[in-house]
Amino acid sequence: MLEKFTTKQIKTSGAKINAKIAGNGPPVLFLHGYPQTHIIWHKVAPELASHYTVVLTDLRGYGDSSKPKSDVKHSVYSKREMALDQVEVMQNLGFKKFSVVGHDRGARVAHRMLIDYKQSVIKAVLMDIVPTLTMYEETDRDFAYNYYHWFFLTQPFDLPEQMIGSDPKYYLQKKIKSWGRNKDFITQEAFKEYLRCFSNPETIHASCEDYRASNTIDLLHDKKDYGTKIDTPLLVLWGSDAFVGSHYNVLDVWKKYANNVQGAPISGGHYIPEEAPKETINSIIKFLNEN
């Protein structure tokens, strides 16, 4: 799927991050979401690599990146630590400043990057999220039903790990297909790769720790920083038929967090880069090329 990309394992201060790199031009870092890997970008990355230096990574705990042992505070999987990984990856590749594109969990990592490591980010694209703090503080029945996994995955070890691990393929199929809106948007090759990675018990546990961190230490960080607005130019995209866009006024929410924000819906459901690759490519290029 990404044959022209070079694979590297890059050691950071807290993990070893799997990365794929191709292209020339301004550097752009791409971060995936749950329960996927960098492969979510396989329909858009090759074309974008003709415009930019494209860096695709697996977040710590996911894909072929390392799975550091967590702690009782879940701080190892805080978005602060996960963002630091990615900044260090780009520095290792020689990029002190870069743009970032994040989907789902990757967008939450990018959001924290815009707060803690803002000097490194030129522009940011966040896909199909509103801030974690907003979602938890405005929890209602619809949110709890549609985002049940936010409450399931945060249960104490090892309840979700055992339940998911009993049949990872079943869980993965249900999770991905229930959030997509366009038929057959996940290719067989991509799903096979997602399943390979998600069949690893260490990945299942690390992904639960990612969500446990969001419900604990990440909220502490977010509450402390609330009110300090992001100045980095920000593009927010959401699936036209996905939950986030129907439940929140996405632009209005992000304007509470950022001074320079624009956004629009993209056709389909949650998995924007796989459901609407051409729209995704065009939106990214237009935004990154704006002066």
C-alpha atoms as a PDB file:
ATOM      1  CA  MET A   1       0.000   0.000   0.000  1.00  0.00           C
ATOM      2  CA  LEU A   2       2.888   2.363   0.723  1.00  0.00           C
ATOM      3  CA  GLU A   3       5.631   0.746  -1.307  1.00  0.00           C
ATOM      4  CA  LYS A   4       7.472   3.984  -2.114  1.00  0.00           C
ATOM      5  CA  PHE A   5       7.756   4.965   1.539  1.00  0.00           C
ATOM      6  CA  THR A   6      10.907   4.319   3.550  1.00  0.00           C
ATOM      7  CA  THR A   7      10.361   2.645   6.927  1.00  0.00           C
ATOM      8  CA  LYS A   8      12.285   3.743  10.009  1.00  0.00           C
ATOM      9  CA  GLN A   9      12.199   2.888  13.694  1.00  0.00           C
ATOM     10  CA  ILE A  10      12.971   6.110  15.552  1.00  0.00           C
ATOM     11  CA  LYS A  11      13.916   6.088  19.224  1.00  0.00           C
ATOM     12  CA  THR A  12      12.431   8.891  21.306  1.00  0.00           C
ATOM     13  CA  SER A  13      12.974   9.669  24.978  1.00  0.00           C
ATOM     14  CA  GLY A  14      10.049   7.408  25.914  1.00  0.00           C
ATOM     15  CA  ALA A  15       9.390   4.963  23.092  1.00  0.00           C
ATOM     16  CA  LYS A  16      10.416   3.605  19.718  1.00  0.00           C
ATOM     17  CA  ILE A  17       8.174   4.959  16.982  1.00  0.00           C
ATOM     18  CA  ASN A  18       7.464   3.251  13.677  1.00  0.00           C
ATOM     19  CA  ALA A  19       7.547   5.759  10.822  1.00  0.00           C
ATOM     20  CA  LYS A  20       7.245   5.823   7.038  1.00  0.00           C
ATOM     21  CA  ILE A  21       8.604   8.710   5.001  1.00  0.00           C
ATOM     22  CA  ALA A  22       8.344   9.790   1.355  1.00  0.00           C
ATOM     23  CA  GLY A  23       8.267  12.883  -0.808  1.00  0.00           C
ATOM     24  CA  ASN A  24       9.849  16.303  -0.957  1.00  0.00           C
ATOM     25  CA  GLY A  25       8.802  19.748   0.141  1.00  0.00           C
ATOM     26  CA  PRO A  26       7.469  21.123   3.432  1.00  0.00           C
ATOM     27  CA  PRO A  27       7.303  18.441   6.174  1.00  0.00           C
ATOM     28  CA  VAL A  28       3.877  17.187   7.282  1.00  0.00           C
ATOM     29  CA  LEU A  29       3.333  14.680  10.087  1.00  0.00           C
ATOM     30  CA  PHE A  30       0.267  12.394   9.933  1.00  0.00           C
ATOM     31  CA  LEU A  31      -1.193  10.797  13.072  1.00  0.00           C
ATOM     32  CA  HIS A  32      -3.791   8.013  13.030  1.00  0.00           C
ATOM     33  CA  GLY A  33      -6.629   7.166  15.394  1.00  0.00           C
ATOM     34  CA  TYR A  34      -8.220   4.187  17.156  1.00  0.00           C
ATOM     35  CA  PRO A  35      -8.150   1.269  16.495  1.00  0.00           C
ATOM     36  CA  GLN A  36      -5.918   1.784  13.488  1.00  0.00           C
ATOM     37  CA  THR A  37      -2.347   2.551  12.416  1.00  0.00           C
ATOM     38  CA  HIS A  38      -0.562   4.793   9.919  1.00  0.00           C
ATOM     39  CA  ILE A  39      -2.221   2.675   7.213  1.00  0.00           C
ATOM     40  CA  ILE A  40      -5.337   4.869   7.497  1.00  0.00           C
ATOM     41  CA  TRP A  41      -3.454   7.327   5.253  1.00  0.00           C
ATOM     42  CA  HIS A  42      -2.717   4.825   2.474  1.00  0.00           C
ATOM     43  CA  LYS A  43      -5.276   6.342   0.062  1.00  0.00           C
ATOM     44  CA  VAL A  44      -4.023   9.924   0.478  1.00  0.00           C
ATOM     45  CA  ALA A  45      -0.330   9.742   1.394  1.00  0.00           C
ATOM     46  CA  PRO A  46       1.129   8.812  -2.024  1.00  0.00           C
ATOM     47  CA  GLU A  47      -0.458  11.813  -3.755  1.00  0.00           C
ATOM     48  CA  LEU A  48       0.362  14.166  -0.890  1.00  0.00           C
ATOM     49  CA  ALA A  49       3.986  13.021  -1.090  1.00  0.00           C
ATOM     50  CA  SER A  50       4.206  14.743  -4.475  1.00  0.00           C
ATOM     51  CA  HIS A  51       3.628  18.043  -2.657  1.00  0.00           C
ATOM     52  CA  TYR A  52       5.183  17.516   0.790  1.00  0.00           C
ATOM     53  CA  THR A  53       7.618  15.439   2.779  1.00  0.00           C
ATOM     54  CA  VAL A  54       5.061  13.066   4.274  1.00  0.00           C
ATOM     55  CA  VAL A  55       5.811  11.382   7.601  1.00  0.00           C
ATOM     56  CA  LEU A  56       3.389   8.685   8.745  1.00  0.00           C
ATOM     57  CA  THR A  57       3.786   7.255  12.234  1.00  0.00           C
ATOM     58  CA  ASP A  58       2.195   4.773  14.590  1.00  0.00           C
ATOM     59  CA  LEU A  59       1.407   6.350  17.953  1.00  0.00           C
ATOM     60  CA  ARG A  60       3.116   4.758  20.937  1.00  0.00           C
ATOM     61  CA  GLY A  61       1.152   1.668  21.892  1.00  0.00           C
ATOM     62  CA  TYR A  62      -0.209   1.179  18.377  1.00  0.00           C
ATOM     63  CA  GLY A  63       0.914  -0.559  15.205  1.00  0.00           C
ATOM     64  CA  ASP A  64       4.601  -1.379  15.134  1.00  0.00           C
ATOM     65  CA  SER A  65       5.613   1.306  17.617  1.00  0.00           C
ATOM     66  CA  SER A  66       6.716   0.180  21.077  1.00  0.00           C
ATOM     67  CA  LYS A  67       4.294  -0.339  23.948  1.00  0.00           C
ATOM     68  CA  PRO A  68       5.890   1.212  27.036  1.00  0.00           C
ATOM     69  CA  LYS A  69       4.789  -0.161  30.399  1.00  0.00           C
ATOM     70  CA  SER A  70       2.148   2.099  31.909  1.00  0.00           C
ATOM     71  CA  ASP A  71       1.776   3.358  35.478  1.00  0.00           C
ATOM     72  CA  VAL A  72      -1.071   3.828  37.941  1.00  0.00           C
ATOM     73  CA  LYS A  73      -1.648   7.403  36.764  1.00  0.00           C
ATOM     74  CA  HIS A  74      -1.648   6.345  33.079  1.00  0.00           C
ATOM     75  CA  SER A  75       0.835   9.177  32.467  1.00  0.00           C
ATOM     76  CA  VAL A  76       2.870   7.037  30.062  1.00  0.00           C
ATOM     77  CA  TYR A  77      -0.063   7.266  27.643  1.00  0.00           C
ATOM     78  CA  SER A  78      -0.935  10.893  28.307  1.00  0.00           C
ATOM     79  CA  LYS A  79      -1.326  12.990  25.184  1.00  0.00           C
ATOM     80  CA  ARG A  80       1.572  15.083  26.485  1.00  0.00           C
ATOM     81  CA  GLU A  81       3.943  12.106  26.298  1.00  0.00           C
ATOM     82  CA  MET A  82       2.501  10.893  23.006  1.00  0.00           C
ATOM     83  CA  ALA A  83       2.896  14.373  21.508  1.00  0.00           C
ATOM     84  CA  LEU A  84       6.495  14.543  22.689  1.00  0.00           C
ATOM     85  CA  ASP A  85       7.220  11.286  20.858  1.00  0.00           C
ATOM     86  CA  GLN A  86       6.055  12.798  17.614  1.00  0.00           C
ATOM     87  CA  VAL A  87       7.940  16.071  18.039  1.00  0.00           C
ATOM     88  CA  GLU A  88      11.112  14.073  18.712  1.00  0.00           C
ATOM     89  CA  VAL A  89      10.489  11.928  15.626  1.00  0.00           C
ATOM     90  CA  MET A  90      10.343  15.032  13.462  1.00  0.00           C
ATOM     91  CA  GLN A  91      13.440  16.492  15.116  1.00  0.00           C
ATOM     92  CA  ASN A  92      15.258  13.220  14.500  1.00  0.00           C
ATOM     93  CA  LEU A  93      14.364  13.541  10.815  1.00  0.00           C
ATOM     94  CA  GLY A  94      15.746  17.077  10.778  1.00  0.00           C
ATOM     95  CA  PHE A  95      12.478  19.003  10.975  1.00  0.00           C
ATOM     96  CA  LYS A  96      12.365  21.598  13.749  1.00  0.00           C
ATOM     97  CA  LYS A  97       9.103  22.994  12.374  1.00  0.00           C
ATOM     98  CA  PHE A  98       6.383  21.096  10.544  1.00  0.00           C
ATOM     99  CA  SER A  99       2.643  20.863   9.966  1.00  0.00           C
ATOM    100  CA  VAL A 100       0.569  18.094  11.519  1.00  0.00           C
ATOM    101  CA  VAL A 101      -2.564  16.257  10.384  1.00  0.00           C
ATOM    102  CA  GLY A 102      -4.352  14.102  12.950  1.00  0.00           C
ATOM    103  CA  HIS A 103      -7.405  11.859  12.860  1.00  0.00           C
ATOM    104  CA  ASP A 104      -9.325  10.747  15.953  1.00  0.00           C
ATOM    105  CA  ARG A 105      -6.774   9.864  18.709  1.00  0.00           C
ATOM    106  CA  GLY A 106      -4.023  11.323  16.556  1.00  0.00           C
ATOM    107  CA  ALA A 107      -5.936  14.593  16.445  1.00  0.00           C
ATOM    108  CA  ARG A 108      -6.045  14.604  20.246  1.00  0.00           C
ATOM    109  CA  VAL A 109      -2.289  14.114  20.323  1.00  0.00           C
ATOM    110  CA  ALA A 110      -1.955  16.976  17.841  1.00  0.00           C
ATOM    111  CA  HIS A 111      -4.201  19.160  20.014  1.00  0.00           C
ATOM    112  CA  ARG A 112      -1.861  18.650  22.966  1.00  0.00           C
ATOM    113  CA  MET A 113       1.102  19.320  20.665  1.00  0.00           C
ATOM    114  CA  LEU A 114      -0.417  22.707  19.806  1.00  0.00           C
ATOM    115  CA  ILE A 115      -0.366  23.573  23.508  1.00  0.00           C
ATOM    116  CA  ASP A 116       2.869  22.056  24.791  1.00  0.00           C
ATOM    117  CA  TYR A 117       5.047  22.187  21.677  1.00  0.00           C
ATOM    118  CA  LYS A 118       3.450  25.003  19.706  1.00  0.00           C
ATOM    119  CA  GLN A 119       6.834  26.356  18.617  1.00  0.00           C
ATOM    120  CA  SER A 120       7.247  23.227  16.465  1.00  0.00           C
ATOM    121  CA  VAL A 121       3.924  23.359  14.586  1.00  0.00           C
ATOM    122  CA  ILE A 122       3.321  25.578  11.553  1.00  0.00           C
ATOM    123  CA  LYS A 123      -0.278  24.514  10.823  1.00  0.00           C
ATOM    124  CA  ALA A 124      -2.594  21.756  12.038  1.00  0.00           C
ATOM    125  CA  VAL A 125      -5.490  19.755  10.595  1.00  0.00           C
ATOM    126  CA  LEU A 126      -7.713  17.925  13.101  1.00  0.00           C
ATOM    127  CA  MET A 127     -10.218  15.356  11.823  1.00  0.00           C
ATOM    128  CA  ASP A 128     -13.554  14.389  13.368  1.00  0.00           C
ATOM    129  CA  ILE A 129     -13.028  15.469  16.956  1.00  0.00           C
ATOM    130  CA  VAL A 130     -13.927  18.208  19.350  1.00  0.00           C
ATOM    131  CA  PRO A 131     -11.696  18.623  22.418  1.00  0.00           C
ATOM    132  CA  THR A 132     -11.654  15.845  25.001  1.00  0.00           C
ATOM    133  CA  LEU A 133     -12.583  18.245  27.799  1.00  0.00           C
ATOM    134  CA  THR A 134     -15.712  19.403  25.961  1.00  0.00           C
ATOM    135  CA  MET A 135     -16.834  15.857  25.222  1.00  0.00           C
ATOM    136  CA  TYR A 136     -16.494  14.686  28.820  1.00  0.00           C
ATOM    137  CA  GLU A 137     -18.001  17.811  30.382  1.00  0.00           C
ATOM    138  CA  GLU A 138     -20.996  17.724  28.025  1.00  0.00           C
ATOM    139  CA  THR A 139     -21.626  13.986  28.217  1.00  0.00           C
ATOM    140  CA  ASP A 140     -25.242  13.046  27.567  1.00  0.00           C
ATOM    141  CA  ARG A 141     -27.151   9.929  26.555  1.00  0.00           C
ATOM    142  CA  ASP A 142     -26.379  10.254  22.837  1.00  0.00           C
ATOM    143  CA  PHE A 143     -22.676  10.694  23.471  1.00  0.00           C
ATOM    144  CA  ALA A 144     -22.540   7.772  25.904  1.00  0.00           C
ATOM    145  CA  TYR A 145     -24.375   5.545  23.423  1.00  0.00           C
ATOM    146  CA  ASN A 146     -22.396   6.461  20.317  1.00  0.00           C
ATOM    147  CA  TYR A 147     -19.029   6.718  22.073  1.00  0.00           C
ATOM    148  CA  TYR A 148     -19.583   3.821  24.467  1.00  0.00           C
ATOM    149  CA  HIS A 149     -15.972   2.730  24.019  1.00  0.00           C
ATOM    150  CA  TRP A 150     -14.794   5.876  25.851  1.00  0.00           C
ATOM    151  CA  PHE A 151     -16.393   4.404  28.977  1.00  0.00           C
ATOM    152  CA  PHE A 152     -15.739   0.731  28.205  1.00  0.00           C
ATOM    153  CA  LEU A 153     -11.998   1.108  27.521  1.00  0.00           C
ATOM    154  CA  THR A 154     -11.455   3.150  30.675  1.00  0.00           C
ATOM    155  CA  GLN A 155     -12.678   0.348  32.932  1.00  0.00           C
ATOM    156  CA  PRO A 156      -9.981  -1.015  35.270  1.00  0.00           C
ATOM    157  CA  PHE A 157      -7.474  -3.534  33.981  1.00  0.00           C
ATOM    158  CA  ASP A 158      -8.137  -6.107  32.698  1.00  0.00           C
ATOM    159  CA  LEU A 159     -11.846  -6.132  31.901  1.00  0.00           C
ATOM    160  CA  PRO A 160     -11.749  -4.507  28.429  1.00  0.00           C
ATOM    161  CA  GLU A 161      -8.464  -6.240  27.592  1.00  0.00           C
ATOM    162  CA  GLN A 162      -9.959  -9.674  28.212  1.00  0.00           C
ATOM    163  CA  MET A 163     -13.204  -8.957  26.393  1.00  0.00           C
ATOM    164  CA  ILE A 164     -11.532  -7.508  23.289  1.00  0.00           C
ATOM    165  CA  GLY A 165      -8.767 -10.107  23.340  1.00  0.00           C
ATOM    166  CA  SER A 166     -11.267 -12.968  23.234  1.00  0.00           C
ATOM    167  CA  ASP A 167     -12.072 -12.080  19.600  1.00  0.00           C
ATOM    168  CA  PRO A 168     -10.104  -9.105  18.220  1.00  0.00           C
ATOM    169  CA  LYS A 169     -11.348  -9.650  14.668  1.00  0.00           C
ATOM    170  CA  TYR A 170     -15.002  -9.468  15.683  1.00  0.00           C
ATOM    171  CA  TYR A 171     -14.392  -6.344  17.779  1.00  0.00           C
ATOM    172  CA  LEU A 172     -12.372  -4.635  15.055  1.00  0.00           C
ATOM    173  CA  GLN A 173     -14.949  -5.339  12.346  1.00  0.00           C
ATOM    174  CA  LYS A 174     -17.802  -4.061  14.478  1.00  0.00           C
ATOM    175  CA  LYS A 175     -15.941  -0.954  15.621  1.00  0.00           C
ATOM    176  CA  ILE A 176     -14.712   0.156  12.206  1.00  0.00           C
ATOM    177  CA  LYS A 177     -17.763  -0.722  10.134  1.00  0.00           C
ATOM    178  CA  SER A 178     -20.239   0.804  12.586  1.00  0.00           C
ATOM    179  CA  TRP A 179     -18.529   4.192  12.312  1.00  0.00           C
ATOM    180  CA  GLY A 180     -18.079   4.223   8.556  1.00  0.00           C
ATOM    181  CA  ARG A 181     -20.816   5.316   6.178  1.00  0.00           C
ATOM    182  CA  ASN A 182     -19.442   4.513   2.727  1.00  0.00           C
ATOM    183  CA  LYS A 183     -19.680   0.852   1.710  1.00  0.00           C
ATOM    184  CA  ASP A 184     -16.404  -1.077   1.564  1.00  0.00           C
ATOM    185  CA  PHE A 185     -14.269   1.949   2.450  1.00  0.00           C
ATOM    186  CA  ILE A 186     -11.846  -0.335   4.305  1.00  0.00           C
ATOM    187  CA  THR A 187      -9.869  -2.370   1.805  1.00  0.00           C
ATOM    188  CA  GLN A 188      -9.152  -5.999   2.601  1.00  0.00           C
ATOM    189  CA  GLU A 189      -5.441  -5.255   2.617  1.00  0.00           C
ATOM    190  CA  ALA A 190      -5.855  -2.393   5.102  1.00  0.00           C
ATOM    191  CA  PHE A 191      -8.103  -4.413   7.412  1.00  0.00           C
ATOM    192  CA  LYS A 192      -5.646  -7.301   7.364  1.00  0.00           C
ATOM    193  CA  GLU A 193      -2.936  -4.924   8.569  1.00  0.00           C
ATOM    194  CA  TYR A 194      -5.165  -3.402  11.259  1.00  0.00           C
ATOM    195  CA  LEU A 195      -6.018  -6.890  12.492  1.00  0.00           C
ATOM    196  CA  ARG A 196      -2.374  -7.986  12.527  1.00  0.00           C
ATOM    197  CA  CYS A 197      -1.504  -5.114  14.837  1.00  0.00           C
ATOM    198  CA  PHE A 198      -4.635  -5.214  16.976  1.00  0.00           C
ATOM    199  CA  SER A 199      -4.335  -8.955  17.599  1.00  0.00           C
ATOM    200  CA  ASN A 200      -1.330  -8.199  19.802  1.00  0.00           C
ATOM    201  CA  PRO A 201      -2.442  -8.231  23.484  1.00  0.00           C
ATOM    202  CA  GLU A 202       0.106  -5.476  24.199  1.00  0.00           C
ATOM    203  CA  THR A 203      -1.606  -3.232  21.646  1.00  0.00           C
ATOM    204  CA  ILE A 204      -5.026  -3.901  23.142  1.00  0.00           C
ATOM    205  CA  HIS A 205      -3.733  -2.996  26.602  1.00  0.00           C
ATOM    206  CA  ALA A 206      -1.854   0.094  25.391  1.00  0.00           C
ATOM    207  CA  SER A 207      -4.920   1.377  23.555  1.00  0.00           C
ATOM    208  CA  CYS A 208      -6.972   0.986  26.746  1.00  0.00           C
ATOM    209  CA  GLU A 209      -4.282   2.953  28.584  1.00  0.00           C
ATOM    210  CA  ASP A 210      -4.598   5.681  25.944  1.00  0.00           C
ATOM    211  CA  TYR A 211      -8.290   6.037  26.854  1.00  0.00           C
ATOM    212  CA  ARG A 212      -7.674   5.683  30.587  1.00  0.00           C
ATOM    213  CA  ALA A 213      -5.226   8.567  30.301  1.00  0.00           C
ATOM    214  CA  SER A 214      -7.843  10.688  28.533  1.00  0.00           C
ATOM    215  CA  ASN A 215     -10.251  10.175  31.411  1.00  0.00           C
ATOM    216  CA  THR A 216      -7.661  11.060  34.077  1.00  0.00           C
ATOM    217  CA  ILE A 217      -4.343  12.816  33.539  1.00  0.00           C
ATOM    218  CA  ASP A 218      -5.302  14.314  30.172  1.00  0.00           C
ATOM    219  CA  LEU A 219      -8.331  15.985  31.729  1.00  0.00           C
ATOM    220  CA  LEU A 220      -6.122  17.482  34.430  1.00  0.00           C
ATOM    221  CA  HIS A 221      -3.837  18.919  31.761  1.00  0.00           C
ATOM    222  CA  ASP A 222      -6.755  20.163  29.672  1.00  0.00           C
ATOM    223  CA  LYS A 223      -8.491  21.854  32.590  1.00  0.00           C
ATOM    224  CA  LYS A 224      -5.273  23.590  33.603  1.00  0.00           C
ATOM    225  CA  ASP A 225      -4.738  24.938  30.086  1.00  0.00           C
ATOM    226  CA  TYR A 226      -8.350  25.845  29.319  1.00  0.00           C
ATOM    227  CA  GLY A 227      -8.680  29.515  28.443  1.00  0.00           C
ATOM    228  CA  THR A 228      -5.259  29.802  26.824  1.00  0.00           C
ATOM    229  CA  LYS A 229      -6.138  29.867  23.155  1.00  0.00           C
ATOM    230  CA  ILE A 230      -4.146  28.237  20.372  1.00  0.00           C
ATOM    231  CA  ASP A 231      -2.674  30.707  17.874  1.00  0.00           C
ATOM    232  CA  THR A 232      -1.480  28.161  15.297  1.00  0.00           C
ATOM    233  CA  PRO A 233      -3.651  28.160  12.138  1.00  0.00           C
ATOM    234  CA  LEU A 234      -6.101  25.302  12.492  1.00  0.00           C
ATOM    235  CA  LEU A 235      -8.340  23.423  10.056  1.00  0.00           C
ATOM    236  CA  VAL A 236     -11.015  21.150  11.519  1.00  0.00           C
ATOM    237  CA  LEU A 237     -12.770  18.589   9.327  1.00  0.00           C
ATOM    238  CA  TRP A 238     -15.602  16.264  10.279  1.00  0.00           C
ATOM    239  CA  GLY A 239     -17.604  13.521   8.603  1.00  0.00           C
ATOM    240  CA  SER A 240     -20.864  14.885   7.238  1.00  0.00           C
ATOM    241  CA  ASP A 241     -22.683  11.752   8.436  1.00  0.00           C
ATOM    242  CA  ALA A 242     -20.625  11.105  11.567  1.00  0.00           C
ATOM    243  CA  PHE A 243     -21.584  11.658  15.195  1.00  0.00           C
ATOM    244  CA  VAL A 244     -19.294  14.609  15.965  1.00  0.00           C
ATOM    245  CA  GLY A 245     -20.731  16.845  13.252  1.00  0.00           C
ATOM    246  CA  SER A 246     -24.332  16.003  14.138  1.00  0.00           C
ATOM    247  CA  HIS A 247     -23.887  16.384  17.889  1.00  0.00           C
ATOM    248  CA  TYR A 248     -21.688  19.478  18.113  1.00  0.00           C
ATOM    249  CA  ASN A 249     -21.312  22.765  16.293  1.00  0.00           C
ATOM    250  CA  VAL A 250     -17.726  21.830  15.546  1.00  0.00           C
ATOM    251  CA  LEU A 251     -16.465  25.249  14.472  1.00  0.00           C
ATOM    252  CA  ASP A 252     -18.073  27.064  17.390  1.00  0.00           C
ATOM    253  CA  VAL A 253     -16.543  24.612  19.855  1.00  0.00           C
ATOM    254  CA  TRP A 254     -13.059  24.960  18.399  1.00  0.00           C
ATOM    255  CA  LYS A 255     -13.316  28.748  18.391  1.00  0.00           C
ATOM    256  CA  LYS A 256     -13.387  28.504  22.192  1.00  0.00           C
ATOM    257  CA  TYR A 257      -9.961  26.859  22.025  1.00  0.00           C
ATOM    258  CA  ALA A 258      -8.265  28.515  19.039  1.00  0.00           C
ATOM    259  CA  ASN A 259      -7.979  32.014  17.601  1.00  0.00           C
ATOM    260  CA  ASN A 260      -7.396  31.088  13.959  1.00  0.00           C
ATOM    261  CA  VAL A 261      -9.693  28.243  12.994  1.00  0.00           C
ATOM    262  CA  GLN A 262     -11.621  27.248   9.891  1.00  0.00           C
ATOM    263  CA  GLY A 263     -13.432  24.046   8.990  1.00  0.00           C
ATOM    264  CA  ALA A 264     -15.917  22.101   6.917  1.00  0.00           C
ATOM    265  CA  PRO A 265     -17.639  18.718   6.693  1.00  0.00           C
ATOM    266  CA  ILE A 266     -16.227  15.941   4.505  1.00  0.00           C
ATOM    267  CA  SER A 267     -18.525  13.410   2.807  1.00  0.00           C
ATOM    268  CA  GLY A 268     -19.120  10.209   4.759  1.00  0.00           C
ATOM    269  CA  GLY A 269     -18.560   9.010   8.283  1.00  0.00           C
ATOM    270  CA  HIS A 270     -15.797   9.019  10.851  1.00  0.00           C
ATOM    271  CA  TYR A 271     -12.958   7.549   8.778  1.00  0.00           C
ATOM    272  CA  ILE A 272     -12.414  10.584   6.596  1.00  0.00           C
ATOM    273  CA  PRO A 273      -9.103   9.655   4.877  1.00  0.00           C
ATOM    274  CA  GLU A 274     -10.439   6.265   3.790  1.00  0.00           C
ATOM    275  CA  GLU A 275     -14.042   7.220   3.047  1.00  0.00           C
ATOM    276  CA  ALA A 276     -13.374  10.422   1.089  1.00  0.00           C
ATOM    277  CA  PRO A 277      -9.701  10.427   0.048  1.00  0.00           C
ATOM    278  CA  LYS A 278      -9.990  12.949  -2.784  1.00  0.00           C
ATOM    279  CA  GLU A 279     -11.863  15.484  -0.646  1.00  0.00           C
ATOM    280  CA  THR A 280      -9.323  14.929   2.100  1.00  0.00           C
ATOM    281  CA  ILE A 281      -6.375  15.519  -0.220  1.00  0.00           C
ATOM    282  CA  ASN A 282      -7.889  18.684  -1.659  1.00  0.00           C
ATOM    283  CA  SER A 283      -8.750  20.103   1.773  1.00  0.00           C
ATOM    284  CA  ILE A 284      -5.260  19.471   3.147  1.00  0.00           C
ATOM    285  CA  ILE A 285      -3.476  20.951   0.144  1.00  0.00           C
ATOM    286  CA  LYS A 286      -5.675  24.038   0.041  1.00  0.00           C
ATOM    287  CA  PHE A 287      -5.158  24.745   3.741  1.00  0.00           C
ATOM    288  CA  LEU A 288      -1.428  24.047   3.884  1.00  0.00           C
ATOM    289  CA  ASN A 289      -0.762  26.146   0.788  1.00  0.00           C
ATOM    290  CA  GLU A 290      -2.652  29.199   2.090  1.00  0.00           C
ATOM    291  CA  ASN A 291      -0.506  32.175   3.072  1.00  0.00           C
END
